Amino acid sequence: MRLPAIPLALAALLALAACSLPPVTRNVVIEQGNPRLEEQIAKLDGLNMDEVRVLLGPPQSRWNIDHEVWVYFSSYRDQREERRFSAEVHFDGDGNVAYVFTN
């Protein structure tokens, strides 16, 4: 069975157009103004673990001594960061933010 020439040509044209599109990179998102980690930390007071995960994403590091501690770092790739910034989010026994330690 032979395919009609017009749909085949259209499919080839769409494939070529897709190859010529510029790739989307993370830099585009950063240039549009991702909030800095310091700005996000100010919003954590009184939130629970699920709300912190929605706001900041999953932690880069975590540990549990007598309560849960999540650690976040600013990215070296973020062009707006002049220095490395980190934050330790300490939760109480109920899973709410107890305090935040920043450097």
PDB file of N, CA and C in Angstrom:
ATOM      1  N   MET A   1       0.840  -1.172   0.000  1.00  0.00           N
ATOM      2  CA  MET A   1       0.000   0.000   0.000  1.00  0.00           C
ATOM      3  C   MET A   1       0.889   1.241   0.000  1.00  0.00           C
ATOM      4  N   ARG A   2       0.537   2.182  -0.784  1.00  0.00           N
ATOM      5  CA  ARG A   2       1.339   3.385  -0.950  1.00  0.00           C
ATOM      6  C   ARG A   2       0.656   4.580  -0.292  1.00  0.00           C
ATOM      7  N   LEU A   3       1.418   5.364   0.501  1.00  0.00           N
ATOM      8  CA  LEU A   3       0.863   6.537   1.161  1.00  0.00           C
ATOM      9  C   LEU A   3       0.740   7.685   0.177  1.00  0.00           C
ATOM     10  N   PRO A   4      -0.289   8.520   0.328  1.00  0.00           N
ATOM     11  CA  PRO A   4      -0.406   9.697  -0.542  1.00  0.00           C
ATOM     12  C   PRO A   4       0.787  10.630  -0.335  1.00  0.00           C
ATOM     13  N   ALA A   5       1.164  11.330  -1.356  1.00  0.00           N
ATOM     14  CA  ALA A   5       2.364  12.167  -1.337  1.00  0.00           C
ATOM     15  C   ALA A   5       2.211  13.390  -0.432  1.00  0.00           C
ATOM     16  N   ILE A   6       1.032  13.968  -0.350  1.00  0.00           N
ATOM     17  CA  ILE A   6       0.849  15.199   0.430  1.00  0.00           C
ATOM     18  C   ILE A   6       1.034  14.943   1.933  1.00  0.00           C
ATOM     19  N   PRO A   7       0.383  13.936   2.545  1.00  0.00           N
ATOM     20  CA  PRO A   7       0.634  13.713   3.977  1.00  0.00           C
ATOM     21  C   PRO A   7       2.085  13.331   4.279  1.00  0.00           C
ATOM     22  N   LEU A   8       2.715  12.599   3.373  1.00  0.00           N
ATOM     23  CA  LEU A   8       4.106  12.223   3.569  1.00  0.00           C
ATOM     24  C   LEU A   8       5.015  13.450   3.522  1.00  0.00           C
ATOM     25  N   ALA A   9       4.764  14.346   2.584  1.00  0.00           N
ATOM     26  CA  ALA A   9       5.546  15.577   2.480  1.00  0.00           C
ATOM     27  C   ALA A   9       5.308  16.475   3.692  1.00  0.00           C
ATOM     28  N   LEU A  10       4.065  16.519   4.170  1.00  0.00           N
ATOM     29  CA  LEU A  10       3.748  17.320   5.344  1.00  0.00           C
ATOM     30  C   LEU A  10       4.461  16.777   6.588  1.00  0.00           C
ATOM     31  N   ALA A  11       4.502  15.468   6.735  1.00  0.00           N
ATOM     32  CA  ALA A  11       5.199  14.852   7.862  1.00  0.00           C
ATOM     33  C   ALA A  11       6.695  15.155   7.806  1.00  0.00           C
ATOM     34  N   ALA A  12       7.285  15.099   6.633  1.00  0.00           N
ATOM     35  CA  ALA A  12       8.708  15.407   6.477  1.00  0.00           C
ATOM     36  C   ALA A  12       8.985  16.872   6.799  1.00  0.00           C
ATOM     37  N   LEU A  13       8.093  17.761   6.375  1.00  0.00           N
ATOM     38  CA  LEU A  13       8.256  19.186   6.646  1.00  0.00           C
ATOM     39  C   LEU A  13       8.161  19.472   8.148  1.00  0.00           C
ATOM     40  N   LEU A  14       7.224  18.827   8.837  1.00  0.00           N
ATOM     41  CA  LEU A  14       7.096  19.007  10.283  1.00  0.00           C
ATOM     42  C   LEU A  14       8.319  18.468  11.026  1.00  0.00           C
ATOM     43  N   ALA A  15       8.876  17.363  10.563  1.00  0.00           N
ATOM     44  CA  ALA A  15      10.070  16.802  11.190  1.00  0.00           C
ATOM     45  C   ALA A  15      11.257  17.748  11.038  1.00  0.00           C
ATOM     46  N   LEU A  16      11.406  18.349   9.871  1.00  0.00           N
ATOM     47  CA  LEU A  16      12.496  19.308   9.661  1.00  0.00           C
ATOM     48  C   LEU A  16      12.301  20.563  10.506  1.00  0.00           C
ATOM     49  N   ALA A  17      11.064  21.019  10.640  1.00  0.00           N
ATOM     50  CA  ALA A  17      10.793  22.212  11.442  1.00  0.00           C
ATOM     51  C   ALA A  17      11.101  21.951  12.914  1.00  0.00           C
ATOM     52  N   ALA A  18      10.792  20.760  13.393  1.00  0.00           N
ATOM     53  CA  ALA A  18      11.061  20.428  14.791  1.00  0.00           C
ATOM     54  C   ALA A  18      12.560  20.391  15.068  1.00  0.00           C
ATOM     55  N   CYS A  19      13.339  19.967  14.108  1.00  0.00           N
ATOM     56  CA  CYS A  19      14.793  19.909  14.297  1.00  0.00           C
ATOM     57  C   CYS A  19      15.419  21.295  14.336  1.00  0.00           C
ATOM     58  N   SER A  20      14.775  22.275  13.723  1.00  0.00           N
ATOM     59  CA  SER A  20      15.373  23.598  13.652  1.00  0.00           C
ATOM     60  C   SER A  20      14.958  24.507  14.804  1.00  0.00           C
ATOM     61  N   LEU A  21      14.084  24.037  15.705  1.00  0.00           N
ATOM     62  CA  LEU A  21      13.682  24.855  16.843  1.00  0.00           C
ATOM     63  C   LEU A  21      14.832  24.951  17.840  1.00  0.00           C
ATOM     64  N   PRO A  22      15.049  26.124  18.415  1.00  0.00           N
ATOM     65  CA  PRO A  22      16.128  26.246  19.401  1.00  0.00           C
ATOM     66  C   PRO A  22      15.771  25.485  20.675  1.00  0.00           C
ATOM     67  N   PRO A  23      16.761  24.897  21.338  1.00  0.00           N
ATOM     68  CA  PRO A  23      16.476  24.164  22.572  1.00  0.00           C
ATOM     69  C   PRO A  23      16.105  25.127  23.705  1.00  0.00           C
ATOM     70  N   VAL A  24      15.225  24.693  24.576  1.00  0.00           N
ATOM     71  CA  VAL A  24      14.843  25.479  25.745  1.00  0.00           C
ATOM     72  C   VAL A  24      15.803  25.110  26.873  1.00  0.00           C
ATOM     73  N   THR A  25      16.410  26.111  27.480  1.00  0.00           N
ATOM     74  CA  THR A  25      17.382  25.844  28.539  1.00  0.00           C
ATOM     75  C   THR A  25      16.919  26.457  29.847  1.00  0.00           C
ATOM     76  N   ARG A  26      17.554  26.061  30.924  1.00  0.00           N
ATOM     77  CA  ARG A  26      17.235  26.600  32.249  1.00  0.00           C
ATOM     78  C   ARG A  26      17.565  28.084  32.328  1.00  0.00           C
ATOM     79  N   ASN A  27      18.508  28.561  31.547  1.00  0.00           N
ATOM     80  CA  ASN A  27      18.873  29.972  31.582  1.00  0.00           C
ATOM     81  C   ASN A  27      17.698  30.875  31.249  1.00  0.00           C
ATOM     82  N   VAL A  28      16.810  30.414  30.392  1.00  0.00           N
ATOM     83  CA  VAL A  28      15.640  31.211  30.033  1.00  0.00           C
ATOM     84  C   VAL A  28      14.781  31.437  31.273  1.00  0.00           C
ATOM     85  N   VAL A  29      14.598  30.406  32.077  1.00  0.00           N
ATOM     86  CA  VAL A  29      13.797  30.513  33.291  1.00  0.00           C
ATOM     87  C   VAL A  29      14.456  31.468  34.277  1.00  0.00           C
ATOM     88  N   ILE A  30      15.767  31.377  34.432  1.00  0.00           N
ATOM     89  CA  ILE A  30      16.484  32.242  35.369  1.00  0.00           C
ATOM     90  C   ILE A  30      16.387  33.698  34.929  1.00  0.00           C
ATOM     91  N   GLU A  31      16.527  33.966  33.644  1.00  0.00           N
ATOM     92  CA  GLU A  31      16.476  35.332  33.155  1.00  0.00           C
ATOM     93  C   GLU A  31      15.093  35.942  33.330  1.00  0.00           C
ATOM     94  N   GLN A  32      14.047  35.102  33.383  1.00  0.00           N
ATOM     95  CA  GLN A  32      12.702  35.625  33.575  1.00  0.00           C
ATOM     96  C   GLN A  32      12.416  35.905  35.041  1.00  0.00           C
ATOM     97  N   GLY A  33      13.354  35.613  35.921  1.00  0.00           N
ATOM     98  CA  GLY A  33      13.225  36.031  37.305  1.00  0.00           C
ATOM     99  C   GLY A  33      12.788  34.972  38.290  1.00  0.00           C
ATOM    100  N   ASN A  34      13.533  33.892  38.402  1.00  0.00           N
ATOM    101  CA  ASN A  34      13.259  32.937  39.478  1.00  0.00           C
ATOM    102  C   ASN A  34      13.481  33.631  40.812  1.00  0.00           C
ATOM    103  N   PRO A  35      12.604  33.413  41.785  1.00  0.00           N
ATOM    104  CA  PRO A  35      12.840  34.033  43.093  1.00  0.00           C
ATOM    105  C   PRO A  35      14.080  33.445  43.749  1.00  0.00           C
ATOM    106  N   ARG A  36      14.848  34.276  44.383  1.00  0.00           N
ATOM    107  CA  ARG A  36      16.050  33.808  45.062  1.00  0.00           C
ATOM    108  C   ARG A  36      15.666  33.017  46.295  1.00  0.00           C
ATOM    109  N   LEU A  37      16.573  32.158  46.730  1.00  0.00           N
ATOM    110  CA  LEU A  37      16.310  31.315  47.889  1.00  0.00           C
ATOM    111  C   LEU A  37      16.031  32.162  49.127  1.00  0.00           C
ATOM    112  N   GLU A  38      16.753  33.265  49.302  1.00  0.00           N
ATOM    113  CA  GLU A  38      16.526  34.135  50.460  1.00  0.00           C
ATOM    114  C   GLU A  38      15.101  34.676  50.485  1.00  0.00           C
ATOM    115  N   GLU A  39      14.560  35.016  49.309  1.00  0.00           N
ATOM    116  CA  GLU A  39      13.199  35.540  49.233  1.00  0.00           C
ATOM    117  C   GLU A  39      12.176  34.466  49.586  1.00  0.00           C
ATOM    118  N   GLN A  40      12.450  33.227  49.202  1.00  0.00           N
ATOM    119  CA  GLN A  40      11.534  32.131  49.495  1.00  0.00           C
ATOM    120  C   GLN A  40      11.570  31.754  50.974  1.00  0.00           C
ATOM    121  N   ILE A  41      12.745  31.830  51.608  1.00  0.00           N
ATOM    122  CA  ILE A  41      12.892  31.462  53.015  1.00  0.00           C
ATOM    123  C   ILE A  41      12.011  32.349  53.893  1.00  0.00           C
ATOM    124  N   ALA A  42      11.842  33.605  53.510  1.00  0.00           N
ATOM    125  CA  ALA A  42      11.038  34.529  54.310  1.00  0.00           C
ATOM    126  C   ALA A  42       9.573  34.104  54.391  1.00  0.00           C
ATOM    127  N   LYS A  43       9.119  33.248  53.494  1.00  0.00           N
ATOM    128  CA  LYS A  43       7.713  32.830  53.449  1.00  0.00           C
ATOM    129  C   LYS A  43       7.433  31.550  54.233  1.00  0.00           C
ATOM    130  N   LEU A  44       8.424  30.968  54.899  1.00  0.00           N
ATOM    131  CA  LEU A  44       8.274  29.642  55.501  1.00  0.00           C
ATOM    132  C   LEU A  44       7.619  29.620  56.873  1.00  0.00           C
ATOM    133  N   ASP A  45       7.520  30.736  57.550  1.00  0.00           N
ATOM    134  CA  ASP A  45       7.046  30.752  58.934  1.00  0.00           C
ATOM    135  C   ASP A  45       5.644  30.153  59.052  1.00  0.00           C
ATOM    136  N   GLY A  46       5.515  29.109  59.876  1.00  0.00           N
ATOM    137  CA  GLY A  46       4.223  28.490  60.135  1.00  0.00           C
ATOM    138  C   GLY A  46       3.773  27.449  59.129  1.00  0.00           C
ATOM    139  N   LEU A  47       4.585  27.151  58.115  1.00  0.00           N
ATOM    140  CA  LEU A  47       4.193  26.152  57.121  1.00  0.00           C
ATOM    141  C   LEU A  47       4.505  24.746  57.617  1.00  0.00           C
ATOM    142  N   ASN A  48       3.848  23.749  57.024  1.00  0.00           N
ATOM    143  CA  ASN A  48       4.174  22.359  57.348  1.00  0.00           C
ATOM    144  C   ASN A  48       5.099  21.789  56.274  1.00  0.00           C
ATOM    145  N   MET A  49       5.507  20.535  56.422  1.00  0.00           N
ATOM    146  CA  MET A  49       6.485  19.928  55.505  1.00  0.00           C
ATOM    147  C   MET A  49       5.993  19.908  54.061  1.00  0.00           C
ATOM    148  N   ASP A  50       4.724  19.576  53.859  1.00  0.00           N
ATOM    149  CA  ASP A  50       4.191  19.520  52.498  1.00  0.00           C
ATOM    150  C   ASP A  50       4.213  20.892  51.837  1.00  0.00           C
ATOM    151  N   GLU A  51       3.871  21.928  52.581  1.00  0.00           N
ATOM    152  CA  GLU A  51       3.863  23.283  52.030  1.00  0.00           C
ATOM    153  C   GLU A  51       5.282  23.762  51.730  1.00  0.00           C
ATOM    154  N   VAL A  52       6.248  23.389  52.567  1.00  0.00           N
ATOM    155  CA  VAL A  52       7.649  23.749  52.307  1.00  0.00           C
ATOM    156  C   VAL A  52       8.135  23.054  51.038  1.00  0.00           C
ATOM    157  N   ARG A  53       7.771  21.787  50.859  1.00  0.00           N
ATOM    158  CA  ARG A  53       8.179  21.048  49.660  1.00  0.00           C
ATOM    159  C   ARG A  53       7.585  21.681  48.399  1.00  0.00           C
ATOM    160  N   VAL A  54       6.344  22.168  48.473  1.00  0.00           N
ATOM    161  CA  VAL A  54       5.725  22.834  47.321  1.00  0.00           C
ATOM    162  C   VAL A  54       6.449  24.138  47.015  1.00  0.00           C
ATOM    163  N   LEU A  55       6.804  24.896  48.051  1.00  0.00           N
ATOM    164  CA  LEU A  55       7.433  26.201  47.855  1.00  0.00           C
ATOM    165  C   LEU A  55       8.885  26.089  47.400  1.00  0.00           C
ATOM    166  N   LEU A  56       9.669  25.209  48.032  1.00  0.00           N
ATOM    167  CA  LEU A  56      11.109  25.126  47.755  1.00  0.00           C
ATOM    168  C   LEU A  56      11.528  23.897  46.961  1.00  0.00           C
ATOM    169  N   GLY A  57      10.638  22.923  46.813  1.00  0.00           N
ATOM    170  CA  GLY A  57      11.015  21.684  46.147  1.00  0.00           C
ATOM    171  C   GLY A  57      11.634  20.719  47.144  1.00  0.00           C
ATOM    172  N   PRO A  58      12.085  19.573  46.660  1.00  0.00           N
ATOM    173  CA  PRO A  58      12.698  18.603  47.570  1.00  0.00           C
ATOM    174  C   PRO A  58      14.041  19.125  48.093  1.00  0.00           C
ATOM    175  N   PRO A  59      14.382  18.800  49.335  1.00  0.00           N
ATOM    176  CA  PRO A  59      15.647  19.298  49.893  1.00  0.00           C
ATOM    177  C   PRO A  59      16.852  18.614  49.254  1.00  0.00           C
ATOM    178  N   GLN A  60      17.986  19.336  49.191  1.00  0.00           N
ATOM    179  CA  GLN A  60      19.219  18.744  48.685  1.00  0.00           C
ATOM    180  C   GLN A  60      19.806  17.769  49.690  1.00  0.00           C
ATOM    181  N   SER A  61      19.532  17.972  50.964  1.00  0.00           N
ATOM    182  CA  SER A  61      20.023  17.090  52.020  1.00  0.00           C
ATOM    183  C   SER A  61      19.004  17.110  53.146  1.00  0.00           C
ATOM    184  N   ARG A  62      18.934  16.001  53.886  1.00  0.00           N
ATOM    185  CA  ARG A  62      18.023  15.954  55.026  1.00  0.00           C
ATOM    186  C   ARG A  62      18.549  14.989  56.060  1.00  0.00           C
ATOM    187  N   TRP A  63      18.246  15.234  57.311  1.00  0.00           N
ATOM    188  CA  TRP A  63      18.608  14.301  58.363  1.00  0.00           C
ATOM    189  C   TRP A  63      17.584  14.406  59.484  1.00  0.00           C
ATOM    190  N   ASN A  64      17.592  13.393  60.338  1.00  0.00           N
ATOM    191  CA  ASN A  64      16.631  13.319  61.429  1.00  0.00           C
ATOM    192  C   ASN A  64      17.375  12.922  62.697  1.00  0.00           C
ATOM    193  N   ILE A  65      17.557  13.867  63.595  1.00  0.00           N
ATOM    194  CA  ILE A  65      18.186  13.572  64.882  1.00  0.00           C
ATOM    195  C   ILE A  65      17.050  13.376  65.887  1.00  0.00           C
ATOM    196  N   ASP A  66      16.505  14.446  66.399  1.00  0.00           N
ATOM    197  CA  ASP A  66      15.299  14.355  67.216  1.00  0.00           C
ATOM    198  C   ASP A  66      14.137  15.050  66.507  1.00  0.00           C
ATOM    199  N   HIS A  67      14.440  15.703  65.419  1.00  0.00           N
ATOM    200  CA  HIS A  67      13.419  16.317  64.573  1.00  0.00           C
ATOM    201  C   HIS A  67      13.960  16.370  63.149  1.00  0.00           C
ATOM    202  N   GLU A  68      13.105  16.583  62.208  1.00  0.00           N
ATOM    203  CA  GLU A  68      13.486  16.593  60.789  1.00  0.00           C
ATOM    204  C   GLU A  68      14.176  17.912  60.438  1.00  0.00           C
ATOM    205  N   VAL A  69      15.273  17.833  59.686  1.00  0.00           N
ATOM    206  CA  VAL A  69      15.996  19.011  59.207  1.00  0.00           C
ATOM    207  C   VAL A  69      16.202  18.853  57.711  1.00  0.00           C
ATOM    208  N   TRP A  70      15.782  19.853  56.945  1.00  0.00           N
ATOM    209  CA  TRP A  70      15.996  19.855  55.498  1.00  0.00           C
ATOM    210  C   TRP A  70      16.978  20.964  55.163  1.00  0.00           C
ATOM    211  N   VAL A  71      17.910  20.699  54.244  1.00  0.00           N
ATOM    212  CA  VAL A  71      18.925  21.679  53.857  1.00  0.00           C
ATOM    213  C   VAL A  71      18.741  22.040  52.389  1.00  0.00           C
ATOM    214  N   TYR A  72      18.778  23.331  52.104  1.00  0.00           N
ATOM    215  CA  TYR A  72      18.671  23.852  50.739  1.00  0.00           C
ATOM    216  C   TYR A  72      19.890  24.715  50.440  1.00  0.00           C
ATOM    217  N   PHE A  73      20.368  24.664  49.192  1.00  0.00           N
ATOM    218  CA  PHE A  73      21.492  25.480  48.742  1.00  0.00           C
ATOM    219  C   PHE A  73      21.058  26.273  47.523  1.00  0.00           C
ATOM    220  N   SER A  74      21.571  27.497  47.400  1.00  0.00           N
ATOM    221  CA  SER A  74      21.365  28.231  46.158  1.00  0.00           C
ATOM    222  C   SER A  74      22.271  27.621  45.104  1.00  0.00           C
ATOM    223  N   SER A  75      21.894  27.750  43.868  1.00  0.00           N
ATOM    224  CA  SER A  75      22.629  27.117  42.781  1.00  0.00           C
ATOM    225  C   SER A  75      23.807  27.980  42.354  1.00  0.00           C
ATOM    226  N   TYR A  76      24.939  27.335  42.068  1.00  0.00           N
ATOM    227  CA  TYR A  76      26.066  28.071  41.491  1.00  0.00           C
ATOM    228  C   TYR A  76      25.736  28.568  40.094  1.00  0.00           C
ATOM    229  N   ARG A  77      24.773  27.946  39.430  1.00  0.00           N
ATOM    230  CA  ARG A  77      24.440  28.341  38.062  1.00  0.00           C
ATOM    231  C   ARG A  77      23.543  29.567  38.011  1.00  0.00           C
ATOM    232  N   ASP A  78      22.941  29.918  39.133  1.00  0.00           N
ATOM    233  CA  ASP A  78      22.069  31.084  39.157  1.00  0.00           C
ATOM    234  C   ASP A  78      22.926  32.332  38.995  1.00  0.00           C
ATOM    235  N   GLN A  79      22.715  33.057  37.928  1.00  0.00           N
ATOM    236  CA  GLN A  79      23.574  34.189  37.595  1.00  0.00           C
ATOM    237  C   GLN A  79      23.398  35.354  38.564  1.00  0.00           C
ATOM    238  N   ARG A  80      22.293  35.386  39.300  1.00  0.00           N
ATOM    239  CA  ARG A  80      22.050  36.499  40.215  1.00  0.00           C
ATOM    240  C   ARG A  80      22.688  36.284  41.576  1.00  0.00           C
ATOM    241  N   GLU A  81      23.205  35.107  41.843  1.00  0.00           N
ATOM    242  CA  GLU A  81      23.804  34.827  43.147  1.00  0.00           C
ATOM    243  C   GLU A  81      25.260  35.289  43.161  1.00  0.00           C
ATOM    244  N   GLU A  82      25.617  36.109  44.138  1.00  0.00           N
ATOM    245  CA  GLU A  82      27.007  36.540  44.282  1.00  0.00           C
ATOM    246  C   GLU A  82      27.784  35.586  45.179  1.00  0.00           C
ATOM    247  N   ARG A  83      27.099  34.858  46.029  1.00  0.00           N
ATOM    248  CA  ARG A  83      27.764  33.950  46.960  1.00  0.00           C
ATOM    249  C   ARG A  83      26.876  32.730  47.155  1.00  0.00           C
ATOM    250  N   ARG A  84      27.450  31.719  47.739  1.00  0.00           N
ATOM    251  CA  ARG A  84      26.706  30.493  48.049  1.00  0.00           C
ATOM    252  C   ARG A  84      25.823  30.749  49.264  1.00  0.00           C
ATOM    253  N   PHE A  85      24.559  30.407  49.185  1.00  0.00           N
ATOM    254  CA  PHE A  85      23.610  30.615  50.272  1.00  0.00           C
ATOM    255  C   PHE A  85      23.007  29.275  50.648  1.00  0.00           C
ATOM    256  N   SER A  86      22.899  29.001  51.931  1.00  0.00           N
ATOM    257  CA  SER A  86      22.268  27.758  52.360  1.00  0.00           C
ATOM    258  C   SER A  86      21.273  28.055  53.471  1.00  0.00           C
ATOM    259  N   ALA A  87      20.326  27.159  53.620  1.00  0.00           N
ATOM    260  CA  ALA A  87      19.312  27.301  54.659  1.00  0.00           C
ATOM    261  C   ALA A  87      19.004  25.934  55.239  1.00  0.00           C
ATOM    262  N   GLU A  88      18.922  25.863  56.562  1.00  0.00           N
ATOM    263  CA  GLU A  88      18.479  24.654  57.255  1.00  0.00           C
ATOM    264  C   GLU A  88      17.078  24.925  57.776  1.00  0.00           C
ATOM    265  N   VAL A  89      16.120  24.133  57.332  1.00  0.00           N
ATOM    266  CA  VAL A  89      14.743  24.273  57.796  1.00  0.00           C
ATOM    267  C   VAL A  89      14.511  23.211  58.859  1.00  0.00           C
ATOM    268  N   HIS A  90      14.281  23.629  60.098  1.00  0.00           N
ATOM    269  CA  HIS A  90      14.069  22.712  61.219  1.00  0.00           C
ATOM    270  C   HIS A  90      12.570  22.603  61.490  1.00  0.00           C
ATOM    271  N   PHE A  91      12.091  21.371  61.591  1.00  0.00           N
ATOM    272  CA  PHE A  91      10.677  21.118  61.845  1.00  0.00           C
ATOM    273  C   PHE A  91      10.489  20.617  63.267  1.00  0.00           C
ATOM    274  N   ASP A  92       9.338  20.928  63.859  1.00  0.00           N
ATOM    275  CA  ASP A  92       9.021  20.407  65.189  1.00  0.00           C
ATOM    276  C   ASP A  92       8.414  19.010  65.064  1.00  0.00           C
ATOM    277  N   GLY A  93       7.988  18.437  66.181  1.00  0.00           N
ATOM    278  CA  GLY A  93       7.436  17.087  66.178  1.00  0.00           C
ATOM    279  C   GLY A  93       6.150  16.945  65.388  1.00  0.00           C
ATOM    280  N   ASP A  94       5.424  18.051  65.184  1.00  0.00           N
ATOM    281  CA  ASP A  94       4.173  18.013  64.423  1.00  0.00           C
ATOM    282  C   ASP A  94       4.390  18.206  62.930  1.00  0.00           C
ATOM    283  N   GLY A  95       5.629  18.439  62.512  1.00  0.00           N
ATOM    284  CA  GLY A  95       5.925  18.634  61.093  1.00  0.00           C
ATOM    285  C   GLY A  95       5.778  20.063  60.622  1.00  0.00           C
ATOM    286  N   ASN A  96       5.706  21.019  61.542  1.00  0.00           N
ATOM    287  CA  ASN A  96       5.634  22.431  61.174  1.00  0.00           C
ATOM    288  C   ASN A  96       7.016  23.061  61.311  1.00  0.00           C
ATOM    289  N   VAL A  97       7.247  24.146  60.567  1.00  0.00           N
ATOM    290  CA  VAL A  97       8.542  24.823  60.618  1.00  0.00           C
ATOM    291  C   VAL A  97       8.744  25.390  62.019  1.00  0.00           C
ATOM    292  N   ALA A  98       9.806  24.957  62.686  1.00  0.00           N
ATOM    293  CA  ALA A  98      10.147  25.478  64.015  1.00  0.00           C
ATOM    294  C   ALA A  98      11.008  26.730  63.864  1.00  0.00           C
ATOM    295  N   TYR A  99      12.078  26.632  63.082  1.00  0.00           N
ATOM    296  CA  TYR A  99      12.919  27.782  62.787  1.00  0.00           C
ATOM    297  C   TYR A  99      13.755  27.480  61.553  1.00  0.00           C
ATOM    298  N   VAL A 100      14.332  28.533  60.978  1.00  0.00           N
ATOM    299  CA  VAL A 100      15.177  28.414  59.789  1.00  0.00           C
ATOM    300  C   VAL A 100      16.520  29.043  60.111  1.00  0.00           C
ATOM    301  N   PHE A 101      17.600  28.289  59.887  1.00  0.00           N
ATOM    302  CA  PHE A 101      18.956  28.794  60.087  1.00  0.00           C
ATOM    303  C   PHE A 101      19.561  29.055  58.716  1.00  0.00           C
ATOM    304  N   THR A 102      20.050  30.269  58.488  1.00  0.00           N
ATOM    305  CA  THR A 102      20.686  30.609  57.208  1.00  0.00           C
ATOM    306  C   THR A 102      22.096  31.110  57.462  1.00  0.00           C
ATOM    307  N   ASN A 103      22.934  31.029  56.425  1.00  0.00           N
ATOM    308  CA  ASN A 103      24.298  31.535  56.571  1.00  0.00           C
ATOM    309  C   ASN A 103      24.399  32.946  56.071  1.00  0.00           C
TER     310      ASN A 103
END
